[in-house]
Full PDB file with SEQRES, HELIX, SHEET, SSBOND, CRYST1, ORIGX, SCALE, CONECT and MASTER records, all heavy atoms in Angstrom:
SEQRES   1 A   31  ALA ILE TYR HIS ASN GLU ILE TYR ALA GLY ASN TYR ASN          
SEQRES   2 A   31  VAL ASP ASP THR ILE ILE ARG ARG PHE ASP GLY VAL GLN          
SEQRES   3 A   31  TRP HIS PRO VAL VAL                                          
SHEET    1 AA1 4 ILE A   2  TYR A   3  0                                        
SHEET    2 AA1 4 GLU A   6  GLY A  10 -1                                        
SHEET    3 AA1 4 ILE A  19  PHE A  22 -1                                        
SHEET    4 AA1 4 TRP A  27  PRO A  29 -1                                        
CRYST1    1.000    1.000    1.000  90.00  90.00  90.00 P 1           1          
ORIGX1      1.000000  0.000000  0.000000        0.00000                         
ORIGX2      0.000000  1.000000  0.000000        0.00000                         
ORIGX3      0.000000  0.000000  1.000000        0.00000                         
SCALE1      1.000000  0.000000  0.000000        0.00000                         
SCALE2      0.000000  1.000000  0.000000        0.00000                         
SCALE3      0.000000  0.000000  1.000000        0.00000                         
ATOM      1  N   ALA A   1       0.854  -1.189  -0.001  1.00  0.00           N  
ATOM      2  CA  ALA A   1      -0.001  -0.001   0.000  1.00  0.00           C  
ATOM      3  C   ALA A   1       0.890   1.238   0.000  1.00  0.00           C  
ATOM      4  O   ALA A   1       2.010   1.208   0.518  1.00  0.00           O  
ATOM      5  CB  ALA A   1      -0.910   0.027   1.221  1.00  0.00           C  
ATOM      6  N   ILE A   2       0.385   2.316  -0.578  1.00  0.00           N  
ATOM      7  CA  ILE A   2       1.054   3.615  -0.519  1.00  0.00           C  
ATOM      8  C   ILE A   2       0.361   4.416   0.578  1.00  0.00           C  
ATOM      9  O   ILE A   2      -0.859   4.575   0.579  1.00  0.00           O  
ATOM     10  CB  ILE A   2       0.930   4.363  -1.862  1.00  0.00           C  
ATOM     11  CG1 ILE A   2       1.435   3.520  -3.024  1.00  0.00           C  
ATOM     12  CG2 ILE A   2       1.655   5.712  -1.774  1.00  0.00           C  
ATOM     13  CD1 ILE A   2       2.908   3.238  -3.022  1.00  0.00           C  
ATOM     14  N   TYR A   3       1.166   4.907   1.527  1.00  0.00           N  
ATOM     15  CA  TYR A   3       0.628   5.664   2.656  1.00  0.00           C  
ATOM     16  C   TYR A   3       1.599   6.794   2.960  1.00  0.00           C  
ATOM     17  O   TYR A   3       2.794   6.541   3.150  1.00  0.00           O  
ATOM     18  CB  TYR A   3       0.454   4.726   3.850  1.00  0.00           C  
ATOM     19  CG  TYR A   3      -0.057   5.370   5.122  1.00  0.00           C  
ATOM     20  CD1 TYR A   3      -1.280   6.006   5.156  1.00  0.00           C  
ATOM     21  CD2 TYR A   3       0.693   5.311   6.283  1.00  0.00           C  
ATOM     22  CE1 TYR A   3      -1.758   6.576   6.326  1.00  0.00           C  
ATOM     23  CE2 TYR A   3       0.226   5.872   7.465  1.00  0.00           C  
ATOM     24  CZ  TYR A   3      -0.997   6.508   7.474  1.00  0.00           C  
ATOM     25  OH  TYR A   3      -1.466   7.071   8.630  1.00  0.00           O  
ATOM     26  N   HIS A   4       1.113   8.024   2.974  1.00  0.00           N  
ATOM     27  CA  HIS A   4       1.940   9.214   3.188  1.00  0.00           C  
ATOM     28  C   HIS A   4       3.150   9.216   2.262  1.00  0.00           C  
ATOM     29  O   HIS A   4       4.280   9.478   2.688  1.00  0.00           O  
ATOM     30  CB  HIS A   4       2.367   9.335   4.649  1.00  0.00           C  
ATOM     31  CG  HIS A   4       1.222   9.656   5.542  1.00  0.00           C  
ATOM     32  ND1 HIS A   4       1.348   9.701   6.896  1.00  0.00           N  
ATOM     33  CD2 HIS A   4      -0.085   9.946   5.304  1.00  0.00           C  
ATOM     34  CE1 HIS A   4       0.176  10.005   7.452  1.00  0.00           C  
ATOM     35  NE2 HIS A   4      -0.705  10.151   6.489  1.00  0.00           N  
ATOM     36  N   ASN A   5       2.908   8.899   0.994  1.00  0.00           N  
ATOM     37  CA  ASN A   5       3.905   8.928  -0.075  1.00  0.00           C  
ATOM     38  C   ASN A   5       5.052   7.942   0.106  1.00  0.00           C  
ATOM     39  O   ASN A   5       6.131   8.133  -0.452  1.00  0.00           O  
ATOM     40  CB  ASN A   5       4.456  10.342  -0.278  1.00  0.00           C  
ATOM     41  CG  ASN A   5       3.362  11.329  -0.614  1.00  0.00           C  
ATOM     42  OD1 ASN A   5       2.397  10.977  -1.300  1.00  0.00           O  
ATOM     43  ND2 ASN A   5       3.469  12.533  -0.114  1.00  0.00           N  
ATOM     44  N   GLU A   6       4.841   6.912   0.892  1.00  0.00           N  
ATOM     45  CA  GLU A   6       5.837   5.846   1.049  1.00  0.00           C  
ATOM     46  C   GLU A   6       5.149   4.508   0.816  1.00  0.00           C  
ATOM     47  O   GLU A   6       3.940   4.378   1.014  1.00  0.00           O  
ATOM     48  CB  GLU A   6       6.470   5.885   2.439  1.00  0.00           C  
ATOM     49  CG  GLU A   6       7.277   7.148   2.673  1.00  0.00           C  
ATOM     50  CD  GLU A   6       7.909   7.190   4.050  1.00  0.00           C  
ATOM     51  OE1 GLU A   6       7.236   6.843   5.034  1.00  0.00           O  
ATOM     52  OE2 GLU A   6       9.078   7.585   4.126  1.00  0.00           O  
ATOM     53  N   ILE A   7       5.928   3.523   0.410  1.00  0.00           N  
ATOM     54  CA  ILE A   7       5.380   2.199   0.169  1.00  0.00           C  
ATOM     55  C   ILE A   7       5.491   1.381   1.453  1.00  0.00           C  
ATOM     56  O   ILE A   7       6.509   1.407   2.143  1.00  0.00           O  
ATOM     57  CB  ILE A   7       6.096   1.485  -1.009  1.00  0.00           C  
ATOM     58  CG1 ILE A   7       5.419   0.167  -1.358  1.00  0.00           C  
ATOM     59  CG2 ILE A   7       7.563   1.281  -0.758  1.00  0.00           C  
ATOM     60  CD1 ILE A   7       4.207   0.295  -2.172  1.00  0.00           C  
ATOM     61  N   TYR A   8       4.406   0.694   1.786  1.00  0.00           N  
ATOM     62  CA  TYR A   8       4.364  -0.201   2.942  1.00  0.00           C  
ATOM     63  C   TYR A   8       4.160  -1.618   2.425  1.00  0.00           C  
ATOM     64  O   TYR A   8       3.381  -1.832   1.497  1.00  0.00           O  
ATOM     65  CB  TYR A   8       3.233   0.171   3.892  1.00  0.00           C  
ATOM     66  CG  TYR A   8       3.550   1.387   4.733  1.00  0.00           C  
ATOM     67  CD1 TYR A   8       3.539   2.660   4.179  1.00  0.00           C  
ATOM     68  CD2 TYR A   8       3.874   1.257   6.070  1.00  0.00           C  
ATOM     69  CE1 TYR A   8       3.835   3.773   4.938  1.00  0.00           C  
ATOM     70  CE2 TYR A   8       4.177   2.368   6.844  1.00  0.00           C  
ATOM     71  CZ  TYR A   8       4.156   3.612   6.272  1.00  0.00           C  
ATOM     72  OH  TYR A   8       4.461   4.716   7.025  1.00  0.00           O  
ATOM     73  N   ALA A   9       4.868  -2.553   3.016  1.00  0.00           N  
ATOM     74  CA  ALA A   9       4.773  -3.955   2.598  1.00  0.00           C  
ATOM     75  C   ALA A   9       4.440  -4.830   3.792  1.00  0.00           C  
ATOM     76  O   ALA A   9       5.072  -4.739   4.840  1.00  0.00           O  
ATOM     77  CB  ALA A   9       6.097  -4.417   1.990  1.00  0.00           C  
ATOM     78  N   GLY A  10       3.423  -5.651   3.608  1.00  0.00           N  
ATOM     79  CA  GLY A  10       3.110  -6.687   4.581  1.00  0.00           C  
ATOM     80  C   GLY A  10       3.847  -7.944   4.174  1.00  0.00           C  
ATOM     81  O   GLY A  10       3.965  -8.253   2.984  1.00  0.00           O  
ATOM     82  N   ASN A  11       4.382  -8.654   5.133  1.00  0.00           N  
ATOM     83  CA  ASN A  11       5.199  -9.828   4.841  1.00  0.00           C  
ATOM     84  C   ASN A  11       4.511 -11.109   5.267  1.00  0.00           C  
ATOM     85  O   ASN A  11       3.693 -11.123   6.177  1.00  0.00           O  
ATOM     86  CB  ASN A  11       6.549  -9.728   5.562  1.00  0.00           C  
ATOM     87  CG  ASN A  11       7.367  -8.558   5.092  1.00  0.00           C  
ATOM     88  OD1 ASN A  11       7.503  -8.336   3.905  1.00  0.00           O  
ATOM     89  ND2 ASN A  11       7.892  -7.788   6.021  1.00  0.00           N  
ATOM     90  N   TYR A  12       4.893 -12.188   4.567  1.00  0.00           N  
ATOM     91  CA  TYR A  12       4.532 -13.514   5.050  1.00  0.00           C  
ATOM     92  C   TYR A  12       5.333 -13.769   6.313  1.00  0.00           C  
ATOM     93  O   TYR A  12       6.305 -13.072   6.601  1.00  0.00           O  
ATOM     94  CB  TYR A  12       4.868 -14.586   3.994  1.00  0.00           C  
ATOM     95  CG  TYR A  12       3.889 -14.616   2.861  1.00  0.00           C  
ATOM     96  CD1 TYR A  12       4.220 -14.089   1.633  1.00  0.00           C  
ATOM     97  CD2 TYR A  12       2.627 -15.166   3.034  1.00  0.00           C  
ATOM     98  CE1 TYR A  12       3.316 -14.115   0.587  1.00  0.00           C  
ATOM     99  CE2 TYR A  12       1.717 -15.189   1.997  1.00  0.00           C  
ATOM    100  CZ  TYR A  12       2.070 -14.668   0.770  1.00  0.00           C  
ATOM    101  OH  TYR A  12       1.175 -14.693  -0.248  1.00  0.00           O  
ATOM    102  N   ASN A  13       4.980 -14.758   7.069  1.00  0.00           N  
ATOM    103  CA  ASN A  13       5.610 -14.996   8.370  1.00  0.00           C  
ATOM    104  C   ASN A  13       7.056 -15.479   8.229  1.00  0.00           C  
ATOM    105  O   ASN A  13       7.393 -16.571   8.596  1.00  0.00           O  
ATOM    106  CB  ASN A  13       4.792 -15.981   9.188  1.00  0.00           C  
ATOM    107  CG  ASN A  13       4.545 -17.278   8.446  1.00  0.00           C  
ATOM    108  OD1 ASN A  13       4.942 -17.425   7.303  1.00  0.00           O  
ATOM    109  ND2 ASN A  13       3.912 -18.216   9.097  1.00  0.00           N  
ATOM    110  N   VAL A  14       7.920 -14.571   7.722  1.00  0.00           N  
ATOM    111  CA  VAL A  14       9.322 -14.925   7.516  1.00  0.00           C  
ATOM    112  C   VAL A  14      10.224 -14.489   8.660  1.00  0.00           C  
ATOM    113  O   VAL A  14      11.304 -15.030   8.829  1.00  0.00           O  
ATOM    114  CB  VAL A  14       9.856 -14.336   6.194  1.00  0.00           C  
ATOM    115  CG1 VAL A  14       9.161 -14.995   5.022  1.00  0.00           C  
ATOM    116  CG2 VAL A  14       9.676 -12.838   6.141  1.00  0.00           C  
ATOM    117  N   ASP A  15       9.835 -13.491   9.396  1.00  0.00           N  
ATOM    118  CA  ASP A  15      10.630 -13.051  10.544  1.00  0.00           C  
ATOM    119  C   ASP A  15       9.707 -12.308  11.506  1.00  0.00           C  
ATOM    120  O   ASP A  15       8.501 -12.394  11.390  1.00  0.00           O  
ATOM    121  CB  ASP A  15      11.831 -12.191  10.104  1.00  0.00           C  
ATOM    122  CG  ASP A  15      11.429 -10.923   9.372  1.00  0.00           C  
ATOM    123  OD1 ASP A  15      10.280 -10.462   9.519  1.00  0.00           O  
ATOM    124  OD2 ASP A  15      12.258 -10.385   8.639  1.00  0.00           O  
ATOM    125  N   ASP A  16      10.267 -11.568  12.411  1.00  0.00           N  
ATOM    126  CA  ASP A  16       9.427 -10.889  13.396  1.00  0.00           C  
ATOM    127  C   ASP A  16       8.970  -9.496  12.977  1.00  0.00           C  
ATOM    128  O   ASP A  16       8.268  -8.836  13.718  1.00  0.00           O  
ATOM    129  CB  ASP A  16      10.172 -10.798  14.734  1.00  0.00           C  
ATOM    130  CG  ASP A  16      10.230 -12.142  15.427  1.00  0.00           C  
ATOM    131  OD1 ASP A  16       9.340 -12.981  15.160  1.00  0.00           O  
ATOM    132  OD2 ASP A  16      11.145 -12.368  16.219  1.00  0.00           O  
ATOM    133  N   THR A  17       9.378  -9.016  11.802  1.00  0.00           N  
ATOM    134  CA  THR A  17       8.887  -7.737  11.289  1.00  0.00           C  
ATOM    135  C   THR A  17       7.824  -8.041  10.259  1.00  0.00           C  
ATOM    136  O   THR A  17       8.109  -8.596   9.210  1.00  0.00           O  
ATOM    137  CB  THR A  17      10.019  -6.913  10.661  1.00  0.00           C  
ATOM    138  OG1 THR A  17      11.021  -6.694  11.648  1.00  0.00           O  
ATOM    139  CG2 THR A  17       9.506  -5.579  10.172  1.00  0.00           C  
ATOM    140  N   ILE A  18       6.583  -7.692  10.560  1.00  0.00           N  
ATOM    141  CA  ILE A  18       5.493  -8.083   9.668  1.00  0.00           C  
ATOM    142  C   ILE A  18       5.035  -6.961   8.746  1.00  0.00           C  
ATOM    143  O   ILE A  18       4.401  -7.215   7.747  1.00  0.00           O  
ATOM    144  CB  ILE A  18       4.313  -8.659  10.468  1.00  0.00           C  
ATOM    145  CG1 ILE A  18       3.794  -7.653  11.479  1.00  0.00           C  
ATOM    146  CG2 ILE A  18       4.713  -9.949  11.142  1.00  0.00           C  
ATOM    147  CD1 ILE A  18       2.535  -8.090  12.192  1.00  0.00           C  
ATOM    148  N   ILE A  19       5.371  -5.705   9.060  1.00  0.00           N  
ATOM    149  CA  ILE A  19       5.109  -4.592   8.151  1.00  0.00           C  
ATOM    150  C   ILE A  19       6.377  -3.753   8.066  1.00  0.00           C  
ATOM    151  O   ILE A  19       6.975  -3.407   9.081  1.00  0.00           O  
ATOM    152  CB  ILE A  19       3.916  -3.724   8.614  1.00  0.00           C  
ATOM    153  CG1 ILE A  19       2.642  -4.562   8.677  1.00  0.00           C  
ATOM    154  CG2 ILE A  19       3.732  -2.536   7.667  1.00  0.00           C  
ATOM    155  CD1 ILE A  19       1.427  -3.806   9.190  1.00  0.00           C  
ATOM    156  N   ARG A  20       6.761  -3.442   6.824  1.00  0.00           N  
ATOM    157  CA  ARG A  20       7.942  -2.612   6.576  1.00  0.00           C  
ATOM    158  C   ARG A  20       7.540  -1.380   5.777  1.00  0.00           C  
ATOM    159  O   ARG A  20       6.574  -1.405   5.037  1.00  0.00           O  
ATOM    160  CB  ARG A  20       8.985  -3.397   5.775  1.00  0.00           C  
ATOM    161  CG  ARG A  20       9.499  -4.615   6.471  1.00  0.00           C  
ATOM    162  CD  ARG A  20      10.483  -5.381   5.561  1.00  0.00           C  
ATOM    163  NE  ARG A  20      10.791  -6.679   6.099  1.00  0.00           N  
ATOM    164  CZ  ARG A  20      11.680  -6.927   7.038  1.00  0.00           C  
ATOM    165  NH1 ARG A  20      12.370  -5.938   7.546  1.00  0.00           N  
ATOM    166  NH2 ARG A  20      11.888  -8.145   7.470  1.00  0.00           N  
ATOM    167  N   ARG A  21       8.342  -0.315   5.913  1.00  0.00           N  
ATOM    168  CA  ARG A  21       8.126   0.946   5.198  1.00  0.00           C  
ATOM    169  C   ARG A  21       9.372   1.261   4.384  1.00  0.00           C  
ATOM    170  O   ARG A  21      10.488   1.164   4.889  1.00  0.00           O  
ATOM    171  CB  ARG A  21       7.854   2.063   6.210  1.00  0.00           C  
ATOM    172  CG  ARG A  21       7.723   3.446   5.619  1.00  0.00           C  
ATOM    173  CD  ARG A  21       7.551   4.498   6.704  1.00  0.00           C  
ATOM    174  NE  ARG A  21       8.644   4.513   7.659  1.00  0.00           N  
ATOM    175  CZ  ARG A  21       9.808   5.149   7.498  1.00  0.00           C  
ATOM    176  NH1 ARG A  21      10.051   5.814   6.395  1.00  0.00           N  
ATOM    177  NH2 ARG A  21      10.726   5.113   8.435  1.00  0.00           N  
ATOM    178  N   PHE A  22       9.183   1.636   3.103  1.00  0.00           N  
ATOM    179  CA  PHE A  22      10.306   1.984   2.242  1.00  0.00           C  
ATOM    180  C   PHE A  22      10.343   3.489   2.064  1.00  0.00           C  
ATOM    181  O   PHE A  22       9.359   4.098   1.620  1.00  0.00           O  
ATOM    182  CB  PHE A  22      10.156   1.294   0.879  1.00  0.00           C  
ATOM    183  CG  PHE A  22      11.341   1.444  -0.015  1.00  0.00           C  
ATOM    184  CD1 PHE A  22      12.567   0.910   0.339  1.00  0.00           C  
ATOM    185  CD2 PHE A  22      11.227   2.102  -1.224  1.00  0.00           C  
ATOM    186  CE1 PHE A  22      13.665   1.034  -0.491  1.00  0.00           C  
ATOM    187  CE2 PHE A  22      12.316   2.229  -2.066  1.00  0.00           C  
ATOM    188  CZ  PHE A  22      13.535   1.688  -1.697  1.00  0.00           C  
ATOM    189  N   ASP A  23      11.444   4.132   2.430  1.00  0.00           N  
ATOM    190  CA  ASP A  23      11.553   5.583   2.354  1.00  0.00           C  
ATOM    191  C   ASP A  23      12.158   6.076   1.046  1.00  0.00           C  
ATOM    192  O   ASP A  23      12.468   7.242   0.905  1.00  0.00           O  
ATOM    193  CB  ASP A  23      12.357   6.115   3.541  1.00  0.00           C  
ATOM    194  CG  ASP A  23      13.807   5.654   3.536  1.00  0.00           C  
ATOM    195  OD1 ASP A  23      14.277   5.050   2.548  1.00  0.00           O  
ATOM    196  OD2 ASP A  23      14.498   5.896   4.557  1.00  0.00           O  
ATOM    197  N   GLY A  24      12.309   5.177   0.085  1.00  0.00           N  
ATOM    198  CA  GLY A  24      12.930   5.521  -1.189  1.00  0.00           C  
ATOM    199  C   GLY A  24      14.366   5.087  -1.278  1.00  0.00           C  
ATOM    200  O   GLY A  24      14.946   5.033  -2.362  1.00  0.00           O  
ATOM    201  N   VAL A  25      14.960   4.772  -0.131  1.00  0.00           N  
ATOM    202  CA  VAL A  25      16.347   4.318  -0.085  1.00  0.00           C  
ATOM    203  C   VAL A  25      16.452   2.944   0.571  1.00  0.00           C  
ATOM    204  O   VAL A  25      17.097   2.045   0.057  1.00  0.00           O  
ATOM    205  CB  VAL A  25      17.245   5.331   0.678  1.00  0.00           C  
ATOM    206  CG1 VAL A  25      18.675   4.831   0.768  1.00  0.00           C  
ATOM    207  CG2 VAL A  25      17.181   6.690  -0.003  1.00  0.00           C  
ATOM    208  N   GLN A  26      15.806   2.801   1.719  1.00  0.00           N  
ATOM    209  CA  GLN A  26      15.878   1.527   2.426  1.00  0.00           C  
ATOM    210  C   GLN A  26      14.564   1.227   3.142  1.00  0.00           C  
ATOM    211  O   GLN A  26      13.725   2.089   3.316  1.00  0.00           O  
ATOM    212  CB  GLN A  26      17.036   1.503   3.409  1.00  0.00           C  
ATOM    213  CG  GLN A  26      16.900   2.490   4.555  1.00  0.00           C  
ATOM    214  CD  GLN A  26      18.131   2.502   5.438  1.00  0.00           C  
ATOM    215  OE1 GLN A  26      19.189   2.041   5.049  1.00  0.00           O  
ATOM    216  NE2 GLN A  26      17.989   3.032   6.628  1.00  0.00           N  
ATOM    217  N   TRP A  27      14.431  -0.049   3.543  1.00  0.00           N  
ATOM    218  CA  TRP A  27      13.252  -0.509   4.268  1.00  0.00           C  
ATOM    219  C   TRP A  27      13.466  -0.376   5.764  1.00  0.00           C  
ATOM    220  O   TRP A  27      14.570  -0.585   6.260  1.00  0.00           O  
ATOM    221  CB  TRP A  27      12.968  -1.981   3.934  1.00  0.00           C  
ATOM    222  CG  TRP A  27      12.458  -2.169   2.548  1.00  0.00           C  
ATOM    223  CD1 TRP A  27      13.204  -2.420   1.428  1.00  0.00           C  
ATOM    224  CD2 TRP A  27      11.110  -2.096   2.131  1.00  0.00           C  
ATOM    225  NE1 TRP A  27      12.387  -2.520   0.336  1.00  0.00           N  
ATOM    226  CE2 TRP A  27      11.099  -2.338   0.735  1.00  0.00           C  
ATOM    227  CE3 TRP A  27       9.912  -1.879   2.783  1.00  0.00           C  
ATOM    228  CZ2 TRP A  27       9.924  -2.347  -0.012  1.00  0.00           C  
ATOM    229  CZ3 TRP A  27       8.738  -1.890   2.040  1.00  0.00           C  
ATOM    230  CH2 TRP A  27       8.751  -2.123   0.660  1.00  0.00           C  
ATOM    231  N   HIS A  28      12.388  -0.016   6.476  1.00  0.00           N  
ATOM    232  CA  HIS A  28      12.420   0.121   7.931  1.00  0.00           C  
ATOM    233  C   HIS A  28      11.289  -0.706   8.536  1.00  0.00           C  
ATOM    234  O   HIS A  28      10.186  -0.716   8.007  1.00  0.00           O  
ATOM    235  CB  HIS A  28      12.205   1.587   8.330  1.00  0.00           C  
ATOM    236  CG  HIS A  28      13.177   2.528   7.718  1.00  0.00           C  
ATOM    237  ND1 HIS A  28      14.431   2.734   8.217  1.00  0.00           N  
ATOM    238  CD2 HIS A  28      13.073   3.298   6.606  1.00  0.00           C  
ATOM    239  CE1 HIS A  28      15.067   3.611   7.461  1.00  0.00           C  
ATOM    240  NE2 HIS A  28      14.274   3.967   6.477  1.00  0.00           N  
ATOM    241  N   PRO A  29      11.544  -1.369   9.662  1.00  0.00           N  
ATOM    242  CA  PRO A  29      10.453  -2.085  10.332  1.00  0.00           C  
ATOM    243  C   PRO A  29       9.432  -1.088  10.880  1.00  0.00           C  
ATOM    244  O   PRO A  29       9.796  -0.041  11.391  1.00  0.00           O  
ATOM    245  CB  PRO A  29      11.146  -2.842  11.458  1.00  0.00           C  
ATOM    246  CG  PRO A  29      12.473  -2.193  11.634  1.00  0.00           C  
ATOM    247  CD  PRO A  29      12.813  -1.501  10.357  1.00  0.00           C  
ATOM    248  N   VAL A  30       8.153  -1.428  10.747  1.00  0.00           N  
ATOM    249  CA  VAL A  30       7.081  -0.579  11.256  1.00  0.00           C  
ATOM    250  C   VAL A  30       6.345  -1.301  12.376  1.00  0.00           C  
ATOM    251  O   VAL A  30       6.140  -0.751  13.444  1.00  0.00           O  
ATOM    252  CB  VAL A  30       6.094  -0.203  10.135  1.00  0.00           C  
ATOM    253  CG1 VAL A  30       4.902   0.567  10.699  1.00  0.00           C  
ATOM    254  CG2 VAL A  30       6.794   0.626   9.077  1.00  0.00           C  
ATOM    255  N   VAL A  31       5.927  -2.505  12.106  1.00  0.00           N  
ATOM    256  CA  VAL A  31       5.240  -3.302  13.109  1.00  0.00           C  
ATOM    257  C   VAL A  31       6.043  -4.567  13.322  1.00  0.00           C  
ATOM    258  O   VAL A  31       6.312  -5.311  12.390  1.00  0.00           O  
ATOM    259  CB  VAL A  31       3.799  -3.668  12.674  1.00  0.00           C  
ATOM    260  CG1 VAL A  31       3.163  -4.605  13.683  1.00  0.00           C  
ATOM    261  CG2 VAL A  31       2.965  -2.408  12.509  1.00  0.00           C  
TER     262      VAL A  31                                                      
MASTER        0    0    0    0    4    0    0    6  261    1    0    3          
END                                                                             
């Protein structure tokens, strides 16, 4: 999803970070 001009990604149960945010350079854990 696009939220506040950034891309958010929901992940399959691959690790303990289930939602990430991309700031245009790198991904950051959100939830």
